[in-house]
Amino acid sequence: LQWAQGKAGEDRVHIVVSEERGWVFVGIYDGFNGPDATDFLVSHLYAAVHRELRGLLWDQQVLKALARALRKTEEAYLDVADKMVGEFPELALMGSCVLAMLMKGEDMYLMNVGDSRAVLGTMDSVDLEQISDGSFDGLVGDCSPLLSAVQLTSEHSTSVREVIELVHSLISLIESISEVCRIRNEHPDDPSAISKDRVKGSLKVTRAFGAGFLKQPKWNDALLEMFRIDFVGSSPYITCNPSLCHHKLSTRDRFLILSSDGLYQYFTNEEAVAQVEMFIATTPEGDPAQHLVEEVLFRAANKAGMDFHELIEIPHGDRRRYHDDVSVIVISLEGRIWRSCV
């Protein structure tokens, strides 16, 4: 069963539940500068993953297979775009963040490029022992969250300032600083490699699918002059090298939140997990992904000094000044999947 729906501007969501293979695949593709890169990912990445996984044992080889699938998919995309860029130079600007998850049995494999996140809602071992011996009254009675938030993905972003303000993770802060230092070290002759908190003053993410104008001078040269960067040397400013993670599920793990970065402009990891935990406890038949999206809209409206209904009446294209595209998938580790986009 496949979903390739949930379009929110340039965001795309792809879900595959394969009974034949016994796995679940989820892809969230957060595009920028146009939809072509994300549409290509929906059409080609899962097929590439499927090919690379043939005959593999389920261990560290799977992570390498995911990385190969992404590399081959980007090569195919850039090859197609290269043939068309003379007529459609905007293809050199288009790109996407990539968050992909493959789950089979107790094994969860994650691959990401950019700033989308996978956050696990998991129970502390102390709380699990309390519930087992009957000494804990439960969430609904006292409204105290039981679950901790564990971010399973790394972030590739220049947004050190935003990370400090959110204080969601010291690790994320270190990752952002490391990415900025990496780019500066790779371009010692270019003082503007990181400018205005962006790569070449243009892109906040430091790794992405596509975005050829930041990878090869020829792609930058194909653009109209007003869109070109000052490409110094020939080394790429960004790459599509993914971060990879294998997580072995345990009885403590309750659900996984997969989302584009628009969610975390208004939530910390801990707040997102607490929202889902409370919603599932109080509204078991409801949709926690839709709940998170609605909460983003409420918070965006409040920040803009308007009410919820005023915000949603604004056409999608004009709402970008108030909130980013948001794609959210919540996977219950008891077998349900919810998805929502705005």
Protein backbone atom coordinates (compact mmCIF):
# COMPACT_ATOMS: atom_id res chain seq x y z
CA LEU A 1 0.00 0.00 0.00
CA GLN A 2 1.44 3.38 -1.01
CA TRP A 3 0.56 6.98 -0.28
CA ALA A 4 2.25 9.69 -2.31
CA GLN A 5 -0.07 12.45 -1.20
CA GLY A 6 -0.08 15.11 1.46
CA LYS A 7 1.21 17.94 -0.70
CA ALA A 8 1.91 21.11 1.23
CA GLY A 9 3.50 23.60 -1.14
CA GLU A 10 6.87 22.03 -1.93
CA ASP A 11 6.65 19.28 0.72
CA ARG A 12 5.96 15.70 -0.34
CA VAL A 13 5.15 12.62 1.74
CA HIS A 14 5.58 9.02 0.59
CA ILE A 15 4.47 6.00 2.62
CA VAL A 16 4.83 2.36 1.59
CA VAL A 17 3.51 -0.53 3.70
CA SER A 18 4.76 -3.74 2.09
CA GLU A 19 3.29 -7.00 3.36
CA GLU A 20 5.45 -8.89 0.85
CA ARG A 21 8.69 -7.44 2.23
CA GLY A 22 7.46 -7.00 5.78
CA TRP A 23 8.58 -3.41 6.04
CA VAL A 24 7.27 0.14 6.28
CA PHE A 25 8.97 2.92 4.33
CA VAL A 26 8.30 6.59 4.99
CA GLY A 27 9.80 9.53 3.12
CA ILE A 28 9.33 13.21 3.95
CA TYR A 29 10.78 15.52 1.33
CA ASP A 30 10.90 19.21 2.26
CA GLY A 31 11.54 21.04 -0.97
CA PHE A 32 12.71 24.56 -1.74
CA ASN A 33 12.71 26.82 -4.80
CA GLY A 34 10.18 24.62 -6.60
CA PRO A 35 8.59 21.14 -6.58
CA ASP A 36 10.66 19.25 -9.16
CA ALA A 37 13.21 17.76 -6.75
CA THR A 38 10.57 16.53 -4.31
CA ASP A 39 8.42 15.09 -7.09
CA PHE A 40 11.47 13.22 -8.39
CA LEU A 41 12.17 11.83 -4.92
CA VAL A 42 8.60 10.53 -4.60
CA SER A 43 8.87 8.83 -7.99
CA HIS A 44 12.36 7.36 -7.63
CA LEU A 45 13.84 7.09 -4.12
CA TYR A 46 11.76 4.18 -2.82
CA ALA A 47 12.30 2.24 -6.05
CA ALA A 48 16.05 2.76 -5.64
CA VAL A 49 15.88 1.65 -1.99
CA HIS A 50 13.96 -1.45 -3.03
CA ARG A 51 16.62 -2.36 -5.59
CA GLU A 52 19.53 -1.77 -3.21
CA LEU A 53 18.00 -3.95 -0.48
CA ARG A 54 17.66 -7.06 -2.60
CA GLY A 55 19.50 -9.97 -1.02
CA LEU A 56 20.85 -7.96 1.92
CA LEU A 57 20.97 -9.17 5.48
CA TRP A 58 19.32 -6.78 7.95
CA ASP A 59 22.32 -5.21 9.62
CA GLN A 60 24.66 -2.30 8.92
CA GLN A 61 24.48 -3.15 5.22
CA VAL A 62 20.98 -1.66 5.19
CA LEU A 63 22.24 1.79 6.14
CA LYS A 64 24.83 1.66 3.36
CA ALA A 65 22.11 0.55 0.94
CA LEU A 66 19.94 3.54 1.89
CA ALA A 67 22.87 5.90 1.30
CA ARG A 68 23.60 4.30 -2.09
CA ALA A 69 19.94 4.61 -3.09
CA LEU A 70 19.96 8.33 -2.26
CA ARG A 71 23.22 8.92 -4.12
CA LYS A 72 21.97 7.13 -7.24
CA THR A 73 18.64 8.97 -7.09
CA GLU A 74 20.38 12.34 -6.94
CA GLU A 75 22.71 11.38 -9.78
CA ALA A 76 19.68 10.46 -11.89
CA TYR A 77 17.93 13.72 -10.99
CA LEU A 78 20.94 15.88 -11.83
CA ASP A 79 21.44 13.97 -15.08
CA VAL A 80 17.85 14.70 -16.15
CA ALA A 81 18.08 18.31 -14.99
CA ASP A 82 21.39 18.77 -16.83
CA LYS A 83 19.63 18.04 -20.12
CA MET A 84 16.90 20.60 -19.37
CA VAL A 85 18.69 23.38 -17.49
CA GLY A 86 19.36 25.39 -20.65
CA GLU A 87 15.63 25.77 -21.19
CA PHE A 88 14.66 25.72 -17.50
CA PRO A 89 17.53 27.29 -15.51
CA GLU A 90 15.42 27.33 -12.33
CA LEU A 91 16.13 23.59 -12.04
CA ALA A 92 19.60 24.55 -10.78
CA LEU A 93 17.97 26.18 -7.74
CA MET A 94 15.53 23.42 -6.81
CA GLY A 95 16.36 20.99 -4.04
CA SER A 96 15.01 19.17 -1.03
CA CYS A 97 15.74 17.95 2.44
CA VAL A 98 15.28 14.19 2.78
CA LEU A 99 14.07 12.18 5.76
CA ALA A 100 13.55 8.47 5.10
CA MET A 101 12.68 5.70 7.52
CA LEU A 102 12.61 1.96 6.92
CA MET A 103 11.18 -0.26 9.66
CA LYS A 104 11.16 -4.04 9.66
CA GLY A 105 10.34 -5.96 12.80
CA GLU A 106 12.25 -4.40 15.68
CA ASP A 107 14.74 -2.63 13.42
CA MET A 108 14.32 1.01 12.46
CA TYR A 109 16.70 2.57 9.93
CA LEU A 110 16.80 6.33 9.39
CA MET A 111 18.48 8.49 6.77
CA ASN A 112 18.37 12.26 6.64
CA VAL A 113 19.82 15.17 4.71
CA GLY A 114 18.90 18.65 5.93
CA ASP A 115 16.86 19.70 8.95
CA SER A 116 13.84 17.41 9.10
CA ARG A 117 13.64 15.30 12.27
CA ALA A 118 12.73 11.89 13.60
CA VAL A 119 11.82 12.09 17.29
CA LEU A 120 11.00 9.04 19.38
CA GLY A 121 8.55 9.07 22.27
CA THR A 122 9.97 6.57 24.74
CA MET A 123 9.36 5.70 28.36
CA ASP A 124 12.09 6.05 30.96
CA SER A 125 13.01 2.73 32.51
CA VAL A 126 12.09 4.00 36.00
CA ASP A 127 8.57 4.89 34.86
CA LEU A 128 8.25 1.54 33.12
CA GLU A 129 9.07 -0.24 36.38
CA GLN A 130 6.51 1.87 38.25
CA ILE A 131 3.79 0.97 35.77
CA SER A 132 4.73 -2.71 35.89
CA ASP A 133 4.36 -2.88 39.67
CA GLY A 134 1.15 -0.79 39.66
CA SER A 135 2.58 2.19 41.55
CA PHE A 136 1.83 4.77 38.81
CA ASP A 137 -1.67 6.16 38.30
CA GLY A 138 -1.26 7.06 34.61
CA LEU A 139 -1.16 10.10 32.37
CA VAL A 140 -4.78 11.18 32.21
CA GLY A 141 -5.25 11.44 35.95
CA ASP A 142 -2.38 13.79 36.74
CA CYS A 143 -1.56 15.20 33.26
CA SER A 144 2.15 14.53 33.80
CA PRO A 145 3.99 13.31 30.69
CA LEU A 146 5.50 9.85 31.01
CA LEU A 147 7.56 9.88 27.86
CA SER A 148 10.94 11.32 27.00
CA ALA A 149 11.84 12.71 23.58
CA VAL A 150 14.83 11.19 21.80
CA GLN A 151 15.94 12.77 18.52
CA LEU A 152 17.28 10.02 16.28
CA THR A 153 18.43 12.22 13.40
CA SER A 154 21.25 14.71 13.00
CA GLU A 155 20.67 18.20 11.62
CA HIS A 156 22.56 19.83 8.79
CA SER A 157 21.92 23.53 9.23
CA THR A 158 23.58 26.90 9.76
CA SER A 159 20.93 27.88 12.32
CA VAL A 160 23.09 28.02 15.42
CA ARG A 161 21.16 31.00 16.79
CA GLU A 162 17.80 29.26 16.46
CA VAL A 163 19.14 26.11 18.06
CA ILE A 164 20.33 28.09 21.08
CA GLU A 165 16.94 29.77 21.46
CA LEU A 166 15.06 26.47 21.28
CA VAL A 167 17.54 24.72 23.60
CA HIS A 168 16.16 21.43 22.34
CA SER A 169 19.49 19.65 22.34
CA LEU A 170 23.12 20.42 23.04
CA ILE A 171 23.96 17.79 20.43
CA SER A 172 22.02 19.72 17.77
CA LEU A 173 23.91 22.90 18.67
CA ILE A 174 27.22 21.08 18.28
CA GLU A 175 26.05 19.61 14.96
CA SER A 176 25.16 23.04 13.58
CA ILE A 177 28.49 24.55 14.63
CA SER A 178 30.27 21.54 13.14
CA GLU A 179 28.48 21.95 9.80
CA VAL A 180 29.38 25.65 9.61
CA CYS A 181 33.01 24.90 10.46
CA ARG A 182 33.12 22.11 7.87
CA ILE A 183 31.98 24.39 5.06
CA ARG A 184 34.37 27.18 6.08
CA ASN A 185 37.28 24.72 6.29
CA GLU A 186 36.45 23.32 2.86
CA HIS A 187 36.42 26.86 1.39
CA PRO A 188 39.29 28.71 3.13
CA ASP A 189 39.57 31.22 0.27
CA ASP A 190 35.91 32.23 0.46
CA PRO A 191 35.05 34.44 3.46
CA SER A 192 31.41 34.50 2.33
CA ALA A 193 30.97 30.70 2.34
CA ILE A 194 28.64 31.26 5.31
CA SER A 195 26.93 34.63 5.09
CA LYS A 196 23.80 35.96 6.81
CA ASP A 197 23.47 32.63 8.62
CA ARG A 198 23.16 30.82 5.28
CA VAL A 199 25.37 28.93 2.86
CA LYS A 200 26.51 31.65 0.41
CA GLY A 201 23.77 33.82 1.86
CA SER A 202 21.23 31.57 0.15
CA LEU A 203 20.42 28.30 1.94
CA LYS A 204 20.01 27.51 5.65
CA VAL A 205 20.59 23.78 5.27
CA THR A 206 24.16 22.63 4.73
CA ARG A 207 23.26 19.35 3.01
CA ALA A 208 20.49 18.81 0.49
CA PHE A 209 19.29 16.78 -2.46
CA GLY A 210 19.66 18.71 -5.71
CA ALA A 211 20.41 22.46 -5.42
CA GLY A 212 23.04 22.11 -8.12
CA PHE A 213 23.97 25.81 -8.06
CA LEU A 214 25.74 25.19 -4.72
CA LYS A 215 27.47 22.02 -5.94
CA GLN A 216 29.04 22.76 -9.32
CA PRO A 217 30.04 26.03 -11.01
CA LYS A 218 28.29 25.00 -14.25
CA TRP A 219 24.93 24.88 -12.49
CA ASN A 220 25.50 28.30 -10.97
CA ASP A 221 26.53 29.68 -14.37
CA ALA A 222 23.26 28.41 -15.88
CA LEU A 223 21.24 30.78 -13.69
CA LEU A 224 20.18 34.28 -14.52
CA GLU A 225 22.75 36.70 -13.13
CA MET A 226 20.42 37.96 -10.40
CA PHE A 227 20.24 34.44 -8.90
CA ARG A 228 23.91 33.48 -9.16
CA ILE A 229 26.26 33.19 -6.22
CA ASP A 230 29.96 34.02 -6.26
CA PHE A 231 31.19 30.44 -6.68
CA VAL A 232 34.83 30.41 -5.52
CA GLY A 233 36.86 27.44 -6.73
CA SER A 234 35.24 24.17 -7.76
CA SER A 235 34.51 22.37 -4.47
CA PRO A 236 30.80 21.99 -3.63
CA TYR A 237 29.41 24.17 -0.87
CA ILE A 238 26.81 21.58 0.11
CA THR A 239 26.58 17.81 -0.36
CA CYS A 240 23.92 15.12 -0.28
CA ASN A 241 25.85 12.94 2.17
CA PRO A 242 23.23 11.60 4.61
CA SER A 243 23.38 10.97 8.33
CA LEU A 244 22.36 7.40 9.15
CA CYS A 245 20.91 5.76 12.25
CA HIS A 246 19.86 2.25 13.26
CA HIS A 247 17.56 2.01 16.28
CA LYS A 248 16.50 -1.29 17.81
CA LEU A 249 12.95 -0.91 19.11
CA SER A 250 12.24 -1.83 22.71
CA THR A 251 9.15 -2.19 24.90
CA ARG A 252 9.79 1.36 26.15
CA ASP A 253 9.26 2.94 22.71
CA ARG A 254 5.73 4.21 22.08
CA PHE A 255 5.67 6.28 18.87
CA LEU A 256 7.83 8.06 16.32
CA ILE A 257 7.25 11.60 15.02
CA LEU A 258 8.65 12.23 11.54
CA SER A 259 8.35 15.80 10.32
CA SER A 260 9.77 18.59 8.23
CA ASP A 261 11.37 21.47 10.11
CA GLY A 262 8.22 23.62 10.05
CA LEU A 263 6.94 21.76 13.11
CA TYR A 264 9.97 22.73 15.19
CA GLN A 265 9.66 26.42 14.51
CA TYR A 266 6.90 26.25 17.13
CA PHE A 267 7.71 23.13 19.20
CA THR A 268 10.65 21.66 21.01
CA ASN A 269 11.12 17.90 20.73
CA GLU A 270 9.81 17.51 24.27
CA GLU A 271 6.71 19.60 23.58
CA ALA A 272 5.89 17.64 20.43
CA VAL A 273 6.16 14.30 22.24
CA ALA A 274 4.09 15.59 25.18
CA GLN A 275 1.39 16.84 22.79
CA VAL A 276 1.13 13.47 21.03
CA GLU A 277 1.22 11.55 24.31
CA MET A 278 -1.59 13.62 25.81
CA PHE A 279 -3.66 13.54 22.62
CA ILE A 280 -3.45 9.75 22.26
CA ALA A 281 -4.37 9.31 25.93
CA THR A 282 -7.39 11.62 25.81
CA THR A 283 -8.53 11.06 22.20
CA PRO A 284 -7.52 7.49 21.27
CA GLU A 285 -9.55 7.52 18.03
CA GLY A 286 -8.17 10.89 16.92
CA ASP A 287 -5.30 11.83 14.62
CA PRO A 288 -2.22 13.07 16.51
CA ALA A 289 -0.48 14.22 13.31
CA GLN A 290 -3.42 16.46 12.47
CA HIS A 291 -3.44 17.67 16.08
CA LEU A 292 0.20 18.77 15.82
CA VAL A 293 -0.45 20.58 12.53
CA GLU A 294 -3.44 22.39 14.02
CA GLU A 295 -1.35 23.40 17.03
CA VAL A 296 1.27 24.84 14.67
CA LEU A 297 -1.44 26.91 12.99
CA PHE A 298 -2.80 28.12 16.33
CA ARG A 299 0.68 29.18 17.45
CA ALA A 300 1.47 30.81 14.10
CA ALA A 301 -1.82 32.74 14.23
CA ASN A 302 -1.17 33.85 17.80
CA LYS A 303 2.34 35.02 16.91
CA ALA A 304 0.90 37.05 14.02
CA GLY A 305 -1.79 38.61 16.23
CA MET A 306 -4.73 36.94 14.48
CA ASP A 307 -7.07 34.07 15.28
CA PHE A 308 -6.92 30.57 13.80
CA HIS A 309 -9.73 31.08 11.29
CA GLU A 310 -8.21 34.30 9.97
CA LEU A 311 -4.98 32.46 9.26
CA ILE A 312 -6.50 29.49 7.46
CA GLU A 313 -8.54 31.80 5.24
CA ILE A 314 -5.30 33.21 3.82
CA PRO A 315 -4.37 31.42 0.54
CA HIS A 316 -1.59 28.84 0.93
CA GLY A 317 0.89 30.77 -1.17
CA ASP A 318 0.47 33.89 0.95
CA ARG A 319 0.73 32.05 4.28
CA ARG A 320 4.45 31.40 3.92
CA ARG A 321 5.14 34.65 5.78
CA TYR A 322 3.38 33.17 8.84
CA HIS A 323 4.49 29.54 8.80
CA ASP A 324 6.62 27.16 6.77
CA ASP A 325 5.22 24.09 5.05
CA VAL A 326 4.67 21.39 7.68
CA SER A 327 4.49 17.65 7.03
CA VAL A 328 3.98 15.35 10.02
CA ILE A 329 3.74 11.57 10.26
CA VAL A 330 3.17 9.87 13.60
CA ILE A 331 3.84 6.14 13.70
CA SER A 332 2.40 4.29 16.66
CA LEU A 333 4.64 1.37 17.47
CA GLU A 334 1.45 -0.57 18.08
CA GLY A 335 0.64 -0.53 14.36
CA ARG A 336 -1.09 2.74 13.34
CA ILE A 337 0.15 5.51 11.04
CA TRP A 338 -1.21 9.05 10.88
CA ARG A 339 -0.12 11.74 8.44
CA SER A 340 -0.97 15.41 8.00
CA CYS A 341 0.35 18.36 6.02
CA VAL A 342 -0.25 22.08 5.74
